[in-house]
PDB file of N, CA and C in Angstrom:
ATOM      1  N   UNK A   1       8.185   4.227 -16.828  1.00  0.00           N
ATOM      2  CA  UNK A   1       7.015   3.924 -16.231  1.00  0.00           C
ATOM      3  C   UNK A   1       6.357   2.689 -15.937  1.00  0.00           C
ATOM      4  N   UNK A   2       5.713   2.695 -14.780  1.00  0.00           N
ATOM      5  CA  UNK A   2       5.171   1.170 -14.453  1.00  0.00           C
ATOM      6  C   UNK A   2       3.971   0.999 -15.344  1.00  0.00           C
ATOM      7  N   UNK A   3       3.777  -0.398 -15.897  1.00  0.00           N
ATOM      8  CA  UNK A   3       2.874  -0.557 -16.495  1.00  0.00           C
ATOM      9  C   UNK A   3       1.694  -1.469 -15.421  1.00  0.00           C
ATOM     10  N   UNK A   4       0.580  -0.883 -15.379  1.00  0.00           N
ATOM     11  CA  UNK A   4      -0.469  -1.364 -14.248  1.00  0.00           C
ATOM     12  C   UNK A   4      -0.882  -2.647 -15.104  1.00  0.00           C
ATOM     13  N   UNK A   5      -0.762  -3.819 -14.058  1.00  0.00           N
ATOM     14  CA  UNK A   5      -1.580  -5.121 -14.624  1.00  0.00           C
ATOM     15  C   UNK A   5      -3.029  -4.958 -14.217  1.00  0.00           C
ATOM     16  N   UNK A   6      -3.872  -4.724 -14.836  1.00  0.00           N
ATOM     17  CA  UNK A   6      -5.286  -4.533 -14.748  1.00  0.00           C
ATOM     18  C   UNK A   6      -5.924  -5.786 -14.906  1.00  0.00           C
ATOM     19  N   UNK A   7      -6.850  -6.450 -13.678  1.00  0.00           N
ATOM     20  CA  UNK A   7      -7.607  -7.763 -14.257  1.00  0.00           C
ATOM     21  C   UNK A   7      -8.588  -7.222 -15.013  1.00  0.00           C
ATOM     22  N   UNK A   8      -8.468  -8.278 -16.214  1.00  0.00           N
ATOM     23  CA  UNK A   8      -9.674  -8.111 -17.001  1.00  0.00           C
ATOM     24  C   UNK A   8     -11.080  -8.410 -16.527  1.00  0.00           C
ATOM     25  N   UNK A   9     -11.256  -9.138 -15.730  1.00  0.00           N
ATOM     26  CA  UNK A   9     -12.425  -9.446 -15.137  1.00  0.00           C
ATOM     27  C   UNK A   9     -13.060  -8.490 -14.202  1.00  0.00           C
ATOM     28  N   UNK A  10     -12.272  -7.792 -13.091  1.00  0.00           N
ATOM     29  CA  UNK A  10     -12.583  -7.220 -12.090  1.00  0.00           C
ATOM     30  C   UNK A  10     -12.120  -5.697 -12.343  1.00  0.00           C
ATOM     31  N   UNK A  11     -11.482  -5.185 -13.151  1.00  0.00           N
ATOM     32  CA  UNK A  11     -10.657  -4.092 -13.437  1.00  0.00           C
ATOM     33  C   UNK A  11      -9.861  -3.436 -12.457  1.00  0.00           C
ATOM     34  N   UNK A  12      -9.450  -4.421 -11.193  1.00  0.00           N
ATOM     35  CA  UNK A  12      -8.677  -3.998 -10.126  1.00  0.00           C
ATOM     36  C   UNK A  12      -7.004  -4.108 -10.421  1.00  0.00           C
ATOM     37  N   UNK A  13      -6.167  -3.361  -9.683  1.00  0.00           N
ATOM     38  CA  UNK A  13      -5.107  -3.400 -10.101  1.00  0.00           C
ATOM     39  C   UNK A  13      -4.415  -3.740  -8.616  1.00  0.00           C
ATOM     40  N   UNK A  14      -3.024  -4.126  -8.778  1.00  0.00           N
ATOM     41  CA  UNK A  14      -2.119  -4.512  -7.379  1.00  0.00           C
ATOM     42  C   UNK A  14      -1.057  -3.526  -7.300  1.00  0.00           C
ATOM     43  N   UNK A  15      -0.593  -2.922  -6.204  1.00  0.00           N
ATOM     44  CA  UNK A  15       0.458  -2.147  -6.249  1.00  0.00           C
ATOM     45  C   UNK A  15       1.457  -2.736  -4.913  1.00  0.00           C
ATOM     46  N   UNK A  16       2.681  -2.920  -4.885  1.00  0.00           N
ATOM     47  CA  UNK A  16       3.628  -3.419  -4.024  1.00  0.00           C
ATOM     48  C   UNK A  16       4.414  -2.393  -3.675  1.00  0.00           C
ATOM     49  N   UNK A  17       4.420  -1.513  -2.479  1.00  0.00           N
ATOM     50  CA  UNK A  17       5.150  -0.488  -2.133  1.00  0.00           C
ATOM     51  C   UNK A  17       6.163  -0.973  -1.038  1.00  0.00           C
ATOM     52  N   UNK A  18       7.403  -0.373  -0.896  1.00  0.00           N
ATOM     53  CA  UNK A  18       8.442  -0.559   0.300  1.00  0.00           C
ATOM     54  C   UNK A  18       8.844   0.949   0.665  1.00  0.00           C
ATOM     55  N   UNK A  19       8.505   1.110   1.679  1.00  0.00           N
ATOM     56  CA  UNK A  19       8.956   2.732   2.147  1.00  0.00           C
ATOM     57  C   UNK A  19      10.199   2.350   3.126  1.00  0.00           C
ATOM     58  N   UNK A  20      10.952   3.442   3.047  1.00  0.00           N
ATOM     59  CA  UNK A  20      12.155   3.515   3.740  1.00  0.00           C
ATOM     60  C   UNK A  20      12.382   4.876   4.401  1.00  0.00           C
ATOM     61  N   UNK A  21      13.075   4.950   5.454  1.00  0.00           N
ATOM     62  CA  UNK A  21      13.092   6.152   6.289  1.00  0.00           C
ATOM     63  C   UNK A  21      12.889   5.852   7.631  1.00  0.00           C
ATOM     64  N   UNK A  22      12.471   6.699   8.295  1.00  0.00           N
ATOM     65  CA  UNK A  22      12.114   6.521   9.849  1.00  0.00           C
ATOM     66  C   UNK A  22      10.891   6.147   9.914  1.00  0.00           C
ATOM     67  N   UNK A  23      10.285   4.874   9.408  1.00  0.00           N
ATOM     68  CA  UNK A  23       9.062   4.435   9.128  1.00  0.00           C
ATOM     69  C   UNK A  23       8.575   3.206  10.233  1.00  0.00           C
ATOM     70  N   UNK A  24       9.319   2.880  10.979  1.00  0.00           N
ATOM     71  CA  UNK A  24       9.028   1.879  11.983  1.00  0.00           C
ATOM     72  C   UNK A  24       8.706   2.700  13.408  1.00  0.00           C
ATOM     73  N   UNK A  25       7.856   2.151  14.201  1.00  0.00           N
ATOM     74  CA  UNK A  25       7.676   2.945  15.584  1.00  0.00           C
ATOM     75  C   UNK A  25       6.961   4.186  15.476  1.00  0.00           C
ATOM     76  N   UNK A  26       6.080   4.666  14.450  1.00  0.00           N
ATOM     77  CA  UNK A  26       5.776   5.829  14.165  1.00  0.00           C
ATOM     78  C   UNK A  26       4.364   5.851  14.002  1.00  0.00           C
ATOM     79  N   UNK A  27       3.752   4.494  13.961  1.00  0.00           N
ATOM     80  CA  UNK A  27       2.129   4.395  13.714  1.00  0.00           C
ATOM     81  C   UNK A  27       1.789   4.072  12.080  1.00  0.00           C
ATOM     82  N   UNK A  28       2.884   4.136  11.351  1.00  0.00           N
ATOM     83  CA  UNK A  28       2.695   3.869  10.145  1.00  0.00           C
ATOM     84  C   UNK A  28       1.659   2.537   9.709  1.00  0.00           C
ATOM     85  N   UNK A  29       1.959   1.452  10.411  1.00  0.00           N
ATOM     86  CA  UNK A  29       0.924   0.487  10.034  1.00  0.00           C
ATOM     87  C   UNK A  29      -0.506   0.848  10.316  1.00  0.00           C
ATOM     88  N   UNK A  30      -0.660   1.308  11.317  1.00  0.00           N
ATOM     89  CA  UNK A  30      -1.939   1.811  12.109  1.00  0.00           C
ATOM     90  C   UNK A  30      -2.651   2.792  11.238  1.00  0.00           C
ATOM     91  N   UNK A  31      -1.773   3.590  10.599  1.00  0.00           N
ATOM     92  CA  UNK A  31      -2.369   4.861   9.888  1.00  0.00           C
ATOM     93  C   UNK A  31      -2.692   4.144   8.391  1.00  0.00           C
ATOM     94  N   UNK A  32      -1.734   3.461   7.800  1.00  0.00           N
ATOM     95  CA  UNK A  32      -2.276   2.590   6.608  1.00  0.00           C
ATOM     96  C   UNK A  32      -3.483   2.013   6.740  1.00  0.00           C
ATOM     97  N   UNK A  33      -3.852   1.004   7.604  1.00  0.00           N
ATOM     98  CA  UNK A  33      -4.813   0.112   8.017  1.00  0.00           C
ATOM     99  C   UNK A  33      -6.170   1.215   8.082  1.00  0.00           C
ATOM    100  N   UNK A  34      -6.120   2.175   8.846  1.00  0.00           N
ATOM    101  CA  UNK A  34      -7.186   3.250   9.033  1.00  0.00           C
ATOM    102  C   UNK A  34      -7.557   3.919   7.647  1.00  0.00           C
ATOM    103  N   UNK A  35      -6.581   4.127   6.804  1.00  0.00           N
ATOM    104  CA  UNK A  35      -6.821   4.702   5.700  1.00  0.00           C
ATOM    105  C   UNK A  35      -7.489   3.673   4.626  1.00  0.00           C
ATOM    106  N   UNK A  36      -6.936   2.540   4.656  1.00  0.00           N
ATOM    107  CA  UNK A  36      -7.318   1.477   3.671  1.00  0.00           C
ATOM    108  C   UNK A  36      -8.866   1.341   3.770  1.00  0.00           C
ATOM    109  N   UNK A  37      -9.301   1.818   5.131  1.00  0.00           N
ATOM    110  CA  UNK A  37     -10.960   1.529   5.327  1.00  0.00           C
ATOM    111  C   UNK A  37     -11.699   2.508   4.572  1.00  0.00           C
ATOM    112  N   UNK A  38     -11.144   3.455   4.490  1.00  0.00           N
ATOM    113  CA  UNK A  38     -11.619   4.753   3.790  1.00  0.00           C
ATOM    114  C   UNK A  38     -11.699   4.634   2.140  1.00  0.00           C
ATOM    115  N   UNK A  39     -10.495   4.027   1.962  1.00  0.00           N
ATOM    116  CA  UNK A  39     -10.469   3.864   0.263  1.00  0.00           C
ATOM    117  C   UNK A  39     -11.206   2.556  -0.190  1.00  0.00           C
ATOM    118  N   UNK A  40     -11.364   1.705   0.453  1.00  0.00           N
ATOM    119  CA  UNK A  40     -11.806   0.337   0.181  1.00  0.00           C
ATOM    120  C   UNK A  40     -10.753  -0.608  -0.665  1.00  0.00           C
ATOM    121  N   UNK A  41      -9.893  -0.697  -0.215  1.00  0.00           N
ATOM    122  CA  UNK A  41      -8.882  -1.224  -0.892  1.00  0.00           C
ATOM    123  C   UNK A  41      -8.354  -2.660  -0.120  1.00  0.00           C
ATOM    124  N   UNK A  42      -7.840  -3.583  -0.834  1.00  0.00           N
ATOM    125  CA  UNK A  42      -7.514  -4.846   0.348  1.00  0.00           C
ATOM    126  C   UNK A  42      -5.873  -5.053   0.006  1.00  0.00           C
ATOM    127  N   UNK A  43      -5.554  -5.844   0.913  1.00  0.00           N
ATOM    128  CA  UNK A  43      -4.113  -5.932   0.952  1.00  0.00           C
ATOM    129  C   UNK A  43      -3.351  -6.123   2.335  1.00  0.00           C
ATOM    130  N   UNK A  44      -2.064  -5.558   2.480  1.00  0.00           N
ATOM    131  CA  UNK A  44      -1.578  -5.511   3.862  1.00  0.00           C
ATOM    132  C   UNK A  44      -0.485  -4.695   4.175  1.00  0.00           C
ATOM    133  N   UNK A  45      -0.011  -4.444   5.470  1.00  0.00           N
ATOM    134  CA  UNK A  45       1.266  -3.524   5.500  1.00  0.00           C
ATOM    135  C   UNK A  45       1.825  -4.232   6.668  1.00  0.00           C
ATOM    136  N   UNK A  46       3.260  -4.290   6.487  1.00  0.00           N
ATOM    137  CA  UNK A  46       3.927  -4.831   7.779  1.00  0.00           C
ATOM    138  C   UNK A  46       5.221  -4.237   7.765  1.00  0.00           C
ATOM    139  N   UNK A  47       5.815  -4.567   8.865  1.00  0.00           N
ATOM    140  CA  UNK A  47       7.523  -3.978   9.084  1.00  0.00           C
ATOM    141  C   UNK A  47       8.065  -5.244   8.811  1.00  0.00           C
ATOM    142  N   UNK A  48       9.445  -4.778   8.135  1.00  0.00           N
ATOM    143  CA  UNK A  48      10.195  -5.547   7.875  1.00  0.00           C
ATOM    144  C   UNK A  48      11.601  -5.543   8.641  1.00  0.00           C
ATOM    145  N   UNK A  49      12.491  -6.734   8.575  1.00  0.00           N
ATOM    146  CA  UNK A  49      13.424  -6.784   9.571  1.00  0.00           C
ATOM    147  C   UNK A  49      14.570  -5.464   9.243  1.00  0.00           C
ATOM    148  N   UNK A  50      14.489  -5.372   7.906  1.00  0.00           N
ATOM    149  CA  UNK A  50      15.736  -4.460   7.330  1.00  0.00           C
ATOM    150  C   UNK A  50      15.108  -2.836   7.829  1.00  0.00           C
ATOM    151  N   UNK A  51      14.251  -2.604   8.570  1.00  0.00           N
ATOM    152  CA  UNK A  51      13.691  -1.119   8.863  1.00  0.00           C
ATOM    153  C   UNK A  51      12.913  -0.645   7.812  1.00  0.00           C
ATOM    154  N   UNK A  52      12.355  -1.382   6.824  1.00  0.00           N
ATOM    155  CA  UNK A  52      11.316  -0.840   5.769  1.00  0.00           C
ATOM    156  C   UNK A  52      10.024  -1.123   6.214  1.00  0.00           C
ATOM    157  N   UNK A  53       9.004  -0.675   5.651  1.00  0.00           N
ATOM    158  CA  UNK A  53       7.556  -1.034   5.634  1.00  0.00           C
ATOM    159  C   UNK A  53       7.303  -1.281   4.447  1.00  0.00           C
ATOM    160  N   UNK A  54       6.500  -2.703   4.444  1.00  0.00           N
ATOM    161  CA  UNK A  54       6.024  -3.196   3.020  1.00  0.00           C
ATOM    162  C   UNK A  54       4.745  -2.931   3.021  1.00  0.00           C
ATOM    163  N   UNK A  55       3.902  -2.508   1.953  1.00  0.00           N
ATOM    164  CA  UNK A  55       2.595  -2.405   1.909  1.00  0.00           C
ATOM    165  C   UNK A  55       2.135  -2.888   0.412  1.00  0.00           C
ATOM    166  N   UNK A  56       1.066  -3.743   0.329  1.00  0.00           N
ATOM    167  CA  UNK A  56       0.283  -4.475  -0.703  1.00  0.00           C
ATOM    168  C   UNK A  56      -1.024  -3.668  -1.025  1.00  0.00           C
ATOM    169  N   UNK A  57      -1.234  -3.101  -1.860  1.00  0.00           N
ATOM    170  CA  UNK A  57      -2.677  -2.548  -2.008  1.00  0.00           C
ATOM    171  C   UNK A  57      -3.343  -2.850  -3.456  1.00  0.00           C
ATOM    172  N   UNK A  58      -4.537  -3.644  -3.215  1.00  0.00           N
ATOM    173  CA  UNK A  58      -5.497  -4.076  -4.485  1.00  0.00           C
ATOM    174  C   UNK A  58      -6.671  -3.361  -4.352  1.00  0.00           C
ATOM    175  N   UNK A  59      -7.366  -3.138  -5.555  1.00  0.00           N
ATOM    176  CA  UNK A  59      -8.524  -2.505  -5.595  1.00  0.00           C
ATOM    177  C   UNK A  59      -8.779  -1.879  -7.148  1.00  0.00           C
ATOM    178  N   UNK A  60      -9.541  -0.806  -7.272  1.00  0.00           N
ATOM    179  CA  UNK A  60      -9.925  -0.156  -8.409  1.00  0.00           C
ATOM    180  C   UNK A  60      -8.781   0.785  -8.536  1.00  0.00           C
ATOM    181  N   UNK A  61      -8.227   1.184  -9.591  1.00  0.00           N
ATOM    182  CA  UNK A  61      -7.009   2.125  -9.918  1.00  0.00           C
ATOM    183  C   UNK A  61      -7.398   3.232  -9.067  1.00  0.00           C
ATOM    184  N   UNK A  62      -8.508   3.964  -9.325  1.00  0.00           N
ATOM    185  CA  UNK A  62      -8.626   5.211  -8.538  1.00  0.00           C
ATOM    186  C   UNK A  62      -8.500   4.996  -7.139  1.00  0.00           C
ATOM    187  N   UNK A  63      -9.156   4.166  -6.400  1.00  0.00           N
ATOM    188  CA  UNK A  63      -9.189   3.831  -5.142  1.00  0.00           C
ATOM    189  C   UNK A  63      -7.533   3.734  -4.756  1.00  0.00           C
ATOM    190  N   UNK A  64      -6.833   2.913  -5.519  1.00  0.00           N
ATOM    191  CA  UNK A  64      -5.754   2.331  -5.062  1.00  0.00           C
ATOM    192  C   UNK A  64      -4.716   3.557  -4.835  1.00  0.00           C
ATOM    193  N   UNK A  65      -4.705   4.318  -6.131  1.00  0.00           N
ATOM    194  CA  UNK A  65      -3.891   5.505  -6.232  1.00  0.00           C
ATOM    195  C   UNK A  65      -4.202   6.456  -4.989  1.00  0.00           C
ATOM    196  N   UNK A  66      -5.400   6.831  -4.718  1.00  0.00           N
ATOM    197  CA  UNK A  66      -6.168   7.840  -3.753  1.00  0.00           C
ATOM    198  C   UNK A  66      -5.500   7.345  -2.432  1.00  0.00           C
ATOM    199  N   UNK A  67      -5.454   5.996  -2.154  1.00  0.00           N
ATOM    200  CA  UNK A  67      -4.952   5.412  -0.891  1.00  0.00           C
ATOM    201  C   UNK A  67      -3.443   5.607  -0.709  1.00  0.00           C
ATOM    202  N   UNK A  68      -2.870   5.144  -1.621  1.00  0.00           N
ATOM    203  CA  UNK A  68      -1.387   5.552  -1.690  1.00  0.00           C
ATOM    204  C   UNK A  68      -0.844   6.980  -1.478  1.00  0.00           C
ATOM    205  N   UNK A  69      -1.512   7.851  -2.200  1.00  0.00           N
ATOM    206  CA  UNK A  69      -1.337   9.213  -2.050  1.00  0.00           C
ATOM    207  C   UNK A  69      -1.519   9.736  -0.506  1.00  0.00           C
ATOM    208  N   UNK A  70      -2.644   9.275   0.321  1.00  0.00           N
ATOM    209  CA  UNK A  70      -2.965   9.518   1.301  1.00  0.00           C
ATOM    210  C   UNK A  70      -2.226   9.319   2.533  1.00  0.00           C
ATOM    211  N   UNK A  71      -1.543   7.747   2.163  1.00  0.00           N
ATOM    212  CA  UNK A  71      -0.452   7.262   3.265  1.00  0.00           C
ATOM    213  C   UNK A  71       0.803   8.210   3.060  1.00  0.00           C
ATOM    214  N   UNK A  72       1.180   8.373   1.625  1.00  0.00           N
ATOM    215  CA  UNK A  72       2.303   9.276   1.482  1.00  0.00           C
ATOM    216  C   UNK A  72       2.298  10.663   2.056  1.00  0.00           C
ATOM    217  N   UNK A  73       1.137  11.255   2.164  1.00  0.00           N
ATOM    218  CA  UNK A  73       0.764  12.345   2.793  1.00  0.00           C
ATOM    219  C   UNK A  73       0.764  12.296   4.210  1.00  0.00           C
ATOM    220  N   UNK A  74       0.141  11.463   4.667  1.00  0.00           N
ATOM    221  CA  UNK A  74      -0.032  10.975   6.129  1.00  0.00           C
ATOM    222  C   UNK A  74       1.678  11.023   6.891  1.00  0.00           C
ATOM    223  N   UNK A  75       2.204  10.153   6.184  1.00  0.00           N
ATOM    224  CA  UNK A  75       3.536   9.972   6.468  1.00  0.00           C
ATOM    225  C   UNK A  75       4.750  10.496   6.121  1.00  0.00           C
ATOM    226  N   UNK A  76       4.425  11.414   5.179  1.00  0.00           N
ATOM    227  CA  UNK A  76       5.425  12.489   4.550  1.00  0.00           C
ATOM    228  C   UNK A  76       6.765  12.758   5.526  1.00  0.00           C
ATOM    229  N   UNK A  77       6.567  13.067   6.621  1.00  0.00           N
ATOM    230  CA  UNK A  77       7.697  13.291   7.680  1.00  0.00           C
ATOM    231  C   UNK A  77       8.712  12.194   7.900  1.00  0.00           C
ATOM    232  N   UNK A  78       8.124  10.973   7.856  1.00  0.00           N
ATOM    233  CA  UNK A  78       8.888   9.688   8.038  1.00  0.00           C
ATOM    234  C   UNK A  78       9.779   9.201   7.036  1.00  0.00           C
ATOM    235  N   UNK A  79       8.954   9.072   5.581  1.00  0.00           N
ATOM    236  CA  UNK A  79       9.520   8.791   4.592  1.00  0.00           C
ATOM    237  C   UNK A  79      10.357   9.327   3.670  1.00  0.00           C
ATOM    238  N   UNK A  80      11.587   8.625   3.395  1.00  0.00           N
ATOM    239  CA  UNK A  80      12.759   8.983   2.496  1.00  0.00           C
ATOM    240  C   UNK A  80      12.691   8.561   1.261  1.00  0.00           C
ATOM    241  N   UNK A  81      12.170   7.162   0.686  1.00  0.00           N
ATOM    242  CA  UNK A  81      12.299   6.873  -0.255  1.00  0.00           C
ATOM    243  C   UNK A  81      10.951   5.658  -0.591  1.00  0.00           C
ATOM    244  N   UNK A  82      10.449   5.643  -1.598  1.00  0.00           N
ATOM    245  CA  UNK A  82       9.602   4.259  -1.812  1.00  0.00           C
ATOM    246  C   UNK A  82       9.889   3.716  -3.165  1.00  0.00           C
ATOM    247  N   UNK A  83       9.811   2.753  -2.966  1.00  0.00           N
ATOM    248  CA  UNK A  83       9.889   1.586  -4.197  1.00  0.00           C
ATOM    249  C   UNK A  83       8.528   0.997  -4.607  1.00  0.00           C
ATOM    250  N   UNK A  84       7.914   1.257  -5.779  1.00  0.00           N
ATOM    251  CA  UNK A  84       6.639   0.525  -6.232  1.00  0.00           C
ATOM    252  C   UNK A  84       6.702  -0.274  -7.029  1.00  0.00           C
ATOM    253  N   UNK A  85       6.050  -1.427  -7.041  1.00  0.00           N
ATOM    254  CA  UNK A  85       6.030  -2.497  -8.381  1.00  0.00           C
ATOM    255  C   UNK A  85       4.380  -2.764  -8.378  1.00  0.00           C
ATOM    256  N   UNK A  86       4.155  -2.683  -9.532  1.00  0.00           N
ATOM    257  CA  UNK A  86       3.011  -3.112  -9.927  1.00  0.00           C
ATOM    258  C   UNK A  86       3.120  -4.543 -10.492  1.00  0.00           C
ATOM    259  N   UNK A  87       1.808  -5.267  -9.719  1.00  0.00           N
ATOM    260  CA  UNK A  87       1.622  -6.879  -9.910  1.00  0.00           C
ATOM    261  C   UNK A  87       0.594  -7.411 -10.107  1.00  0.00           C
ATOM    262  N   UNK A  88       0.221  -8.221 -10.502  1.00  0.00           N
ATOM    263  CA  UNK A  88      -1.230  -8.887 -11.038  1.00  0.00           C
ATOM    264  C   UNK A  88      -2.076  -9.072  -9.623  1.00  0.00           C
ATOM    265  N   UNK A  89      -3.301  -8.426 -10.040  1.00  0.00           N
ATOM    266  CA  UNK A  89      -4.090  -8.583  -8.589  1.00  0.00           C
ATOM    267  C   UNK A  89      -4.285 -10.166  -8.096  1.00  0.00           C
ATOM    268  N   UNK A  90      -4.436 -10.326  -7.124  1.00  0.00           N
ATOM    269  CA  UNK A  90      -4.588 -11.775  -6.355  1.00  0.00           C
ATOM    270  C   UNK A  90      -6.114 -11.854  -5.926  1.00  0.00           C
ATOM    271  N   UNK A  91      -6.859 -11.066  -5.977  1.00  0.00           N
ATOM    272  CA  UNK A  91      -8.109 -11.411  -5.285  1.00  0.00           C
ATOM    273  C   UNK A  91      -8.474 -10.958  -3.960  1.00  0.00           C
ATOM    274  N   UNK A  92      -7.503 -10.278  -3.276  1.00  0.00           N
ATOM    275  CA  UNK A  92      -7.634  -9.960  -1.957  1.00  0.00           C
ATOM    276  C   UNK A  92      -8.949  -9.442  -1.406  1.00  0.00           C
ATOM    277  N   UNK A  93      -9.528  -9.644  -0.339  1.00  0.00           N
ATOM    278  CA  UNK A  93     -10.766  -8.943  -0.218  1.00  0.00           C
ATOM    279  C   UNK A  93     -10.704  -8.262   1.095  1.00  0.00           C
ATOM    280  N   UNK A  94      -9.628  -7.877   2.046  1.00  0.00           N
ATOM    281  CA  UNK A  94      -9.755  -7.099   3.101  1.00  0.00           C
ATOM    282  C   UNK A  94      -8.434  -6.553   3.250  1.00  0.00           C
ATOM    283  N   UNK A  95      -8.081  -5.495   3.941  1.00  0.00           N
ATOM    284  CA  UNK A  95      -6.925  -5.145   4.457  1.00  0.00           C
ATOM    285  C   UNK A  95      -6.356  -5.590   5.820  1.00  0.00           C
ATOM    286  N   UNK A  96      -5.038  -6.107   6.098  1.00  0.00           N
ATOM    287  CA  UNK A  96      -4.659  -6.092   7.426  1.00  0.00           C
ATOM    288  C   UNK A  96      -3.387  -5.478   7.675  1.00  0.00           C
ATOM    289  N   UNK A  97      -3.182  -5.705   9.142  1.00  0.00           N
ATOM    290  CA  UNK A  97      -1.752  -5.559   9.252  1.00  0.00           C
ATOM    291  C   UNK A  97      -1.133  -6.802   9.509  1.00  0.00           C
ATOM    292  N   UNK A  98      -0.064  -7.029   8.977  1.00  0.00           N
ATOM    293  CA  UNK A  98       0.516  -8.668   8.859  1.00  0.00           C
ATOM    294  C   UNK A  98       1.821  -8.450   9.829  1.00  0.00           C
ATOM    295  N   UNK A  99       2.197  -9.593  10.366  1.00  0.00           N
ATOM    296  CA  UNK A  99       3.359  -9.663  11.208  1.00  0.00           C
ATOM    297  C   UNK A  99       4.226 -10.606  11.058  1.00  0.00           C
TER     298      UNK A  99
END
């Protein structure tokens, strides 16, 4: 089980996720960006050269979990594997599509 690294000052967490499957060219980044606005999380999403999509989300634990669940549900037909790592929050303030 992953141990969440919650910031004592803010209560925020950070999750770094790599998605595999047919995840590029299907609107993954734009879907994640749109969903991030709903859940009030900060971070980024980007395509990787190896065909995966990388996503980082920071925020309150319940919001980050709800956001990641929403992304997984919205893109379920394209994701074959995901790897998640808990990291220390870096104080990100907005969510963007990175290139």
